[in-house]
Amino acid sequence: MSASMRKDRTHLFALAWLGSLIVALLVLPPLRSLDPLALDSTARFSGPSGEYWLGTDDLGRDLLARALDGAKISLLVGLGSTAIAALIGVPMGMIAGYRGKAADAVVSFIVDVVLGFPGLVLALGLAAFLGPSVTNVMIAIAVPLIPAFARLARAQTMSLLTREFVEASKVIGTPTLSIMRRDIVPNISEAVLAFALVNVGRAILIEGGLSFLGIGVPLPQPTWGTMINEGRVYLTQSPAIILVPSVFMMLTILSINMLADRYLLDRTTVTGGS
């Protein structure tokens, strides 16, 4: 099998999983009246059945309902935190790259200070300081991601400064904001988008870690990390309690990374062919 065919298959797999997950999120809860918090003491540790498609946990709660509800939170946090990081980091990097000198020195100093802390440790500290909530988790995850977006935007912007269309805009006296909006942003957007896709999966993984440690999204809201933490006590008795959220998380992050790889490959092919 050629490399191109393998890429096509992984791309289709990623789209199939993410598409199925989104459809399940929209259709299954109202269709089957799934309640992630409903208790059924008579069905504790039950296996897959017509009523509970993926079985139940130690309190008789539907694992499918909880995994889908956790997917909603994970996707929200992954997309939200990445968007926050990009909206702050990209303008910082563009200003540093375009202005240079003092602006570049200030932005570089801020980036170096943030990068001085390991990303996960910084996220843990911020989440613990801000308190458990969806918004605070998104902020805690976004802050360690900002320097990477700033560095990417800075490098991309600096590479465009000597291009003819940017120099022409400067010569005719086009305002700086207009140059950034019309000449810089469209030409760095593809690189930023590809980088953002990769970081969505990373953000979902960090959110799972924070929830596992009990400083993420507060209870009783189920998340994949919380489900794994609660199920580890019953690993030998009912492995499904851990396997269900773990598989959901793994396939989601894997699919997002596959799409990011395919997007990068397509952009490289187009650039090389042009």
Protein backbone atom coordinates (compact mmCIF):
# COMPACT_ATOMS: atom_id res chain seq x y z
CA MET A 1 0.00 0.00 0.00
CA SER A 2 1.41 3.41 -0.98
CA ALA A 3 1.99 6.23 1.49
CA SER A 4 -0.72 8.27 -0.25
CA MET A 5 -3.31 5.52 0.22
CA ARG A 6 -2.39 5.16 3.90
CA LYS A 7 -2.78 8.91 4.36
CA ASP A 8 -6.19 8.76 2.68
CA ARG A 9 -7.32 5.94 4.95
CA THR A 10 -6.18 7.65 8.12
CA HIS A 11 -7.86 10.85 6.95
CA LEU A 12 -11.13 9.01 6.37
CA PHE A 13 -10.86 7.25 9.73
CA ALA A 14 -10.33 10.57 11.51
CA LEU A 15 -13.30 12.17 9.77
CA ALA A 16 -15.46 9.11 10.46
CA TRP A 17 -14.69 9.08 14.18
CA LEU A 18 -15.11 12.82 14.74
CA GLY A 19 -18.24 12.89 12.59
CA SER A 20 -19.73 9.94 14.46
CA LEU A 21 -18.87 11.53 17.80
CA ILE A 22 -20.55 14.81 16.89
CA VAL A 23 -23.64 13.05 15.52
CA ALA A 24 -23.86 10.91 18.66
CA LEU A 25 -23.59 14.03 20.82
CA LEU A 26 -26.47 15.65 18.97
CA VAL A 27 -28.73 12.63 18.43
CA LEU A 28 -28.32 9.99 21.13
CA PRO A 29 -28.97 11.95 24.36
CA PRO A 30 -32.41 13.26 23.31
CA LEU A 31 -33.29 10.13 21.32
CA ARG A 32 -32.56 7.68 24.14
CA SER A 33 -33.08 10.09 27.07
CA LEU A 34 -29.50 9.55 28.19
CA ASP A 35 -28.75 11.02 31.60
CA PRO A 36 -25.09 10.92 32.70
CA LEU A 37 -26.06 11.50 36.34
CA ALA A 38 -28.93 9.00 36.63
CA LEU A 39 -28.26 6.22 39.17
CA ASP A 40 -29.44 2.62 38.84
CA SER A 41 -28.45 0.59 41.89
CA THR A 42 -29.75 -2.60 40.28
CA ALA A 43 -27.37 -2.30 37.32
CA ARG A 44 -24.02 -1.64 38.99
CA PHE A 45 -21.03 -2.87 36.94
CA SER A 46 -23.35 -4.25 34.27
CA GLY A 47 -21.95 -5.07 30.86
CA PRO A 48 -23.21 -3.83 27.49
CA SER A 49 -26.93 -4.40 26.98
CA GLY A 50 -29.89 -3.06 25.08
CA GLU A 51 -30.46 -0.47 27.77
CA TYR A 52 -26.84 0.35 28.54
CA TRP A 53 -24.91 0.03 25.30
CA LEU A 54 -21.46 0.33 26.92
CA GLY A 55 -22.39 -0.86 30.41
CA THR A 56 -22.51 1.03 33.70
CA ASP A 57 -20.12 2.15 36.43
CA ASP A 58 -19.98 1.46 40.17
CA LEU A 59 -23.09 3.58 40.81
CA GLY A 60 -25.09 2.21 37.90
CA ARG A 61 -24.56 5.27 35.72
CA ASP A 62 -24.64 4.85 31.94
CA LEU A 63 -21.05 4.85 30.64
CA LEU A 64 -22.13 5.92 27.13
CA ALA A 65 -24.10 8.87 28.50
CA ARG A 66 -21.16 9.93 30.66
CA ALA A 67 -18.60 9.50 27.86
CA LEU A 68 -20.69 11.61 25.49
CA ASP A 69 -21.20 14.30 28.11
CA GLY A 70 -17.45 14.23 28.74
CA ALA A 71 -16.83 14.59 25.01
CA LYS A 72 -18.87 17.79 24.99
CA ILE A 73 -16.68 19.28 27.73
CA SER A 74 -13.42 18.04 26.20
CA LEU A 75 -14.19 19.46 22.76
CA LEU A 76 -15.35 22.75 24.28
CA VAL A 77 -12.20 23.08 26.39
CA GLY A 78 -9.91 21.96 23.56
CA LEU A 79 -11.33 24.39 21.03
CA GLY A 80 -11.85 27.21 23.53
CA SER A 81 -8.41 27.14 25.09
CA THR A 82 -6.72 26.92 21.69
CA ALA A 83 -8.79 29.86 20.43
CA ILE A 84 -7.85 31.94 23.48
CA ALA A 85 -4.16 31.14 23.02
CA ALA A 86 -4.28 31.99 19.31
CA LEU A 87 -6.22 35.24 19.81
CA ILE A 88 -3.62 36.45 22.30
CA GLY A 89 -0.43 34.87 20.97
CA VAL A 90 -0.83 35.59 17.25
CA PRO A 91 -1.28 39.39 17.59
CA MET A 92 1.64 39.48 20.05
CA GLY A 93 3.86 37.65 17.57
CA MET A 94 2.74 39.79 14.64
CA ILE A 95 3.51 43.00 16.52
CA ALA A 96 6.91 41.68 17.61
CA GLY A 97 7.80 40.54 14.11
CA TYR A 98 6.57 43.67 12.34
CA ARG A 99 7.76 46.35 14.77
CA GLY A 100 10.97 44.67 15.94
CA LYS A 101 13.34 46.30 18.43
CA ALA A 102 11.46 47.36 21.61
CA ALA A 103 8.23 45.51 20.79
CA ASP A 104 10.15 42.38 19.89
CA ALA A 105 12.20 42.60 23.10
CA VAL A 106 9.10 42.97 25.28
CA VAL A 107 7.22 40.11 23.63
CA SER A 108 10.29 37.87 23.65
CA PHE A 109 10.76 38.55 27.37
CA ILE A 110 7.13 37.63 28.14
CA VAL A 111 7.41 34.48 26.02
CA ASP A 112 10.66 33.44 27.72
CA VAL A 113 9.15 33.94 31.19
CA VAL A 114 6.14 31.74 30.38
CA LEU A 115 8.34 29.12 28.72
CA GLY A 116 10.45 29.03 31.87
CA PHE A 117 7.70 26.93 33.45
CA PRO A 118 6.88 23.43 32.15
CA GLY A 119 3.54 23.70 30.35
CA LEU A 120 1.71 21.08 32.38
CA VAL A 121 3.04 22.40 35.68
CA LEU A 122 1.95 25.93 34.78
CA ALA A 123 -1.51 24.68 33.79
CA LEU A 124 -1.79 22.76 37.07
CA GLY A 125 -0.80 25.81 39.10
CA LEU A 126 -3.20 28.13 37.28
CA ALA A 127 -6.09 25.67 37.52
CA ALA A 128 -5.53 25.25 41.25
CA PHE A 129 -5.26 29.02 41.76
CA LEU A 130 -8.27 29.99 39.63
CA GLY A 131 -10.54 27.27 40.96
CA PRO A 132 -12.56 24.54 39.24
CA SER A 133 -14.76 25.72 36.36
CA VAL A 134 -14.88 25.24 32.61
CA THR A 135 -13.78 28.83 31.94
CA ASN A 136 -10.88 28.64 34.38
CA VAL A 137 -9.70 25.35 32.90
CA MET A 138 -9.68 26.91 29.43
CA ILE A 139 -7.63 29.85 30.72
CA ALA A 140 -5.21 27.56 32.59
CA ILE A 141 -4.61 25.50 29.45
CA ALA A 142 -4.43 28.51 27.12
CA VAL A 143 -1.68 30.39 28.97
CA PRO A 144 1.08 27.78 28.34
CA LEU A 145 0.05 27.63 24.67
CA ILE A 146 0.33 31.39 24.04
CA PRO A 147 4.16 31.51 23.62
CA ALA A 148 4.09 28.89 20.87
CA PHE A 149 1.50 30.85 18.88
CA ALA A 150 3.45 34.08 19.45
CA ARG A 151 6.70 32.55 18.20
CA LEU A 152 5.00 31.07 15.14
CA ALA A 153 3.32 34.37 14.24
CA ARG A 154 6.55 36.30 14.82
CA ALA A 155 8.57 34.04 12.53
CA GLN A 156 5.88 34.03 9.84
CA THR A 157 5.53 37.82 9.98
CA MET A 158 9.27 38.44 9.76
CA SER A 159 9.46 36.19 6.69
CA LEU A 160 6.89 38.41 4.94
CA LEU A 161 8.50 41.79 5.65
CA THR A 162 10.76 41.62 2.59
CA ARG A 163 8.02 40.46 0.24
CA GLU A 164 7.12 42.86 -2.57
CA PHE A 165 3.47 43.35 -1.63
CA VAL A 166 4.35 44.30 1.96
CA GLU A 167 7.07 46.71 0.87
CA ALA A 168 4.72 48.26 -1.69
CA SER A 169 2.09 48.83 1.00
CA LYS A 170 4.69 50.56 3.17
CA VAL A 171 5.87 52.78 0.29
CA ILE A 172 2.37 54.09 -0.47
CA GLY A 173 1.82 54.88 3.21
CA THR A 174 -0.69 52.18 4.12
CA PRO A 175 -1.37 52.21 7.89
CA THR A 176 0.27 49.45 9.91
CA LEU A 177 -3.02 47.91 11.02
CA SER A 178 -4.20 47.72 7.40
CA ILE A 179 -0.95 46.06 6.33
CA MET A 180 -1.32 43.46 9.07
CA ARG A 181 -4.98 42.86 8.30
CA ARG A 182 -4.72 42.70 4.50
CA ASP A 183 -1.16 41.48 3.86
CA ILE A 184 0.08 39.63 6.95
CA VAL A 185 -2.94 37.81 8.40
CA PRO A 186 -4.07 36.07 5.17
CA ASN A 187 -0.54 34.79 4.55
CA ILE A 188 0.06 33.34 8.01
CA SER A 189 -3.46 31.99 8.59
CA GLU A 190 -2.77 28.55 7.11
CA ALA A 191 0.26 27.95 9.33
CA VAL A 192 -1.65 29.17 12.38
CA LEU A 193 -4.64 26.94 11.58
CA ALA A 194 -2.49 23.85 11.15
CA PHE A 195 -0.69 24.57 14.41
CA ALA A 196 -4.01 25.20 16.17
CA LEU A 197 -5.35 21.80 15.09
CA VAL A 198 -2.42 20.07 16.74
CA ASN A 199 -2.91 22.06 19.93
CA VAL A 200 -6.61 21.18 20.18
CA GLY A 201 -5.61 17.57 20.78
CA ARG A 202 -2.93 18.66 23.24
CA ALA A 203 -5.45 20.80 25.13
CA ILE A 204 -7.90 17.88 25.38
CA LEU A 205 -5.13 15.73 26.83
CA ILE A 206 -4.18 18.39 29.41
CA GLU A 207 -7.84 18.84 30.38
CA GLY A 208 -8.07 15.10 30.97
CA GLY A 209 -5.01 15.27 33.21
CA LEU A 210 -6.40 18.18 35.22
CA SER A 211 -9.74 16.43 35.69
CA PHE A 212 -7.97 13.21 36.67
CA LEU A 213 -6.18 15.13 39.42
CA GLY A 214 -9.43 16.71 40.60
CA ILE A 215 -8.63 20.33 39.70
CA GLY A 216 -10.40 20.49 36.36
CA VAL A 217 -14.09 20.79 35.61
CA PRO A 218 -15.99 20.47 38.93
CA LEU A 219 -18.24 17.57 39.85
CA PRO A 220 -20.84 16.33 39.16
CA GLN A 221 -20.05 17.18 35.51
CA PRO A 222 -18.50 14.03 34.01
CA THR A 223 -15.30 14.38 32.03
CA TRP A 224 -13.04 11.73 30.55
CA GLY A 225 -10.33 12.43 33.12
CA THR A 226 -12.79 12.26 36.01
CA MET A 227 -14.22 8.98 34.73
CA ILE A 228 -10.74 7.46 34.52
CA ASN A 229 -9.93 8.65 38.03
CA GLU A 230 -13.16 7.24 39.46
CA GLY A 231 -12.78 3.93 37.64
CA ARG A 232 -9.18 3.16 38.56
CA VAL A 233 -10.33 1.71 41.89
CA TYR A 234 -12.46 -0.83 40.02
CA LEU A 235 -9.98 -1.64 37.26
CA THR A 236 -9.88 -5.38 37.95
CA GLN A 237 -13.58 -5.61 38.71
CA SER A 238 -14.89 -3.64 35.73
CA PRO A 239 -12.21 -2.50 33.23
CA ALA A 240 -14.88 -0.87 31.03
CA ILE A 241 -15.21 2.02 33.50
CA ILE A 242 -11.69 3.11 32.50
CA LEU A 243 -11.58 1.72 28.97
CA VAL A 244 -14.63 3.62 27.71
CA PRO A 245 -13.38 7.16 28.49
CA SER A 246 -9.80 6.20 27.62
CA VAL A 247 -10.79 4.93 24.17
CA PHE A 248 -12.96 8.00 23.55
CA MET A 249 -10.08 10.29 24.49
CA MET A 250 -7.47 8.34 22.54
CA LEU A 251 -9.50 8.16 19.32
CA THR A 252 -10.49 11.82 19.51
CA ILE A 253 -6.94 13.09 20.02
CA LEU A 254 -5.60 10.65 17.41
CA SER A 255 -8.20 11.77 14.87
CA ILE A 256 -7.47 15.46 15.43
CA ASN A 257 -3.73 14.84 15.02
CA MET A 258 -4.36 12.84 11.84
CA LEU A 259 -6.38 15.70 10.37
CA ALA A 260 -3.62 18.15 11.32
CA ASP A 261 -1.00 15.95 9.64
CA ARG A 262 -3.12 15.65 6.50
CA TYR A 263 -3.72 19.40 6.43
CA LEU A 264 0.02 20.06 6.72
CA LEU A 265 0.73 17.52 3.96
CA ASP A 266 -1.80 19.15 1.63
CA ARG A 267 -0.38 22.62 2.26
CA THR A 268 3.17 21.36 1.64
CA THR A 269 2.08 19.67 -1.59
CA VAL A 270 0.35 22.80 -2.84
CA THR A 271 3.32 24.99 -1.95
CA GLY A 272 5.79 22.64 -3.56
CA GLY A 273 3.70 22.36 -6.72
CA SER A 274 3.23 26.08 -7.07
